[in-house]
Protein backbone atom coordinates (compact mmCIF):
# COMPACT_ATOMS: atom_id res chain seq x y z
CA MET A 1 105.56 92.81 114.52
CA LYS A 2 104.20 95.87 113.23
CA GLU A 3 102.14 94.03 110.50
CA ARG A 4 100.55 91.98 113.43
CA SER A 5 99.60 94.92 115.48
CA HIS A 6 98.09 96.57 112.31
CA LEU A 7 96.13 93.37 111.76
CA GLU A 8 94.94 93.09 115.15
CA ASP A 9 93.72 96.76 115.03
CA SER A 10 91.95 96.11 111.74
CA ILE A 11 90.17 93.01 113.29
CA ASN A 12 89.19 94.94 116.35
CA GLN A 13 87.75 97.78 114.05
CA CYS A 14 85.77 95.13 112.11
CA LEU A 15 84.48 93.57 115.40
CA GLU A 16 83.34 97.10 116.57
CA VAL A 17 81.43 97.66 113.25
CA LYS A 18 79.77 94.33 113.58
CA LYS A 19 78.92 95.13 117.20
CA ASN A 20 77.47 98.45 116.13
CA LEU A 21 75.49 96.89 113.43
CA ASP A 22 74.03 94.22 115.77
CA GLU A 23 72.94 97.02 118.09
CA ILE A 24 71.14 98.88 115.16
CA THR A 25 69.57 95.68 114.21
CA GLU A 26 68.09 95.34 117.67
CA LEU A 27 66.85 98.92 117.55
CA ILE A 28 65.19 98.18 114.19
CA GLU A 29 63.51 95.20 115.63
CA LEU A 30 62.31 97.04 118.63
CA TYR A 31 60.91 99.81 116.25
CA GLU A 32 59.06 97.27 114.17
CA ASN A 33 57.60 95.66 117.22
CA ASP A 34 56.52 99.09 118.60
CA LYS A 35 52.80 99.56 117.97
CA ASN A 36 53.24 103.31 118.47
CA LYS A 37 56.33 103.66 116.14
CA SER A 38 58.32 106.12 118.45
CA ASP A 39 59.78 109.16 116.60
CA GLU A 40 62.57 109.09 119.00
CA LEU A 41 63.57 105.45 118.36
CA GLU A 42 63.42 106.27 114.61
CA LYS A 43 65.88 109.22 114.99
CA GLU A 44 68.05 107.11 117.10
CA ILE A 45 68.24 104.45 114.50
CA LEU A 46 68.88 106.88 111.81
CA SER A 47 71.61 108.66 113.59
CA SER A 48 73.26 105.35 114.56
CA LEU A 49 73.11 104.21 110.95
CA GLU A 50 74.71 107.56 109.76
CA GLU A 51 77.38 107.20 112.42
CA LEU A 52 78.20 103.68 111.38
CA SER A 53 78.24 104.62 107.63
CA ASP A 54 80.81 107.53 108.36
CA LYS A 55 82.92 105.11 110.38
CA ALA A 56 82.91 102.38 107.63
CA ASN A 57 83.89 104.95 105.00
CA ILE A 58 86.64 106.11 107.13
CA LEU A 59 87.87 102.58 107.82
CA SER A 60 87.45 101.78 103.90
CA SER A 61 89.62 104.80 103.03
CA GLU A 62 92.29 104.01 105.58
CA ALA A 63 92.42 100.38 104.32
CA MET A 64 92.96 101.63 100.60
CA LEU A 65 95.56 104.04 101.77
CA SER A 66 97.56 101.53 103.51
CA GLY A 67 97.83 99.50 100.68
């Protein structure tokens, strides 16, 4: 039962990362279509990418440590 719970947690974390990546992709598409190339939108994209990268690194480390 513990393994199933761990597997469900891992799947949910992967789905959350995918959702975040999809949101960032949408922001990038908005930015590409914006004729004025908003600095605020660019900062939001970069911030979101950094947060996602940090989260992915943490999840990767946790996966390696859990065996």
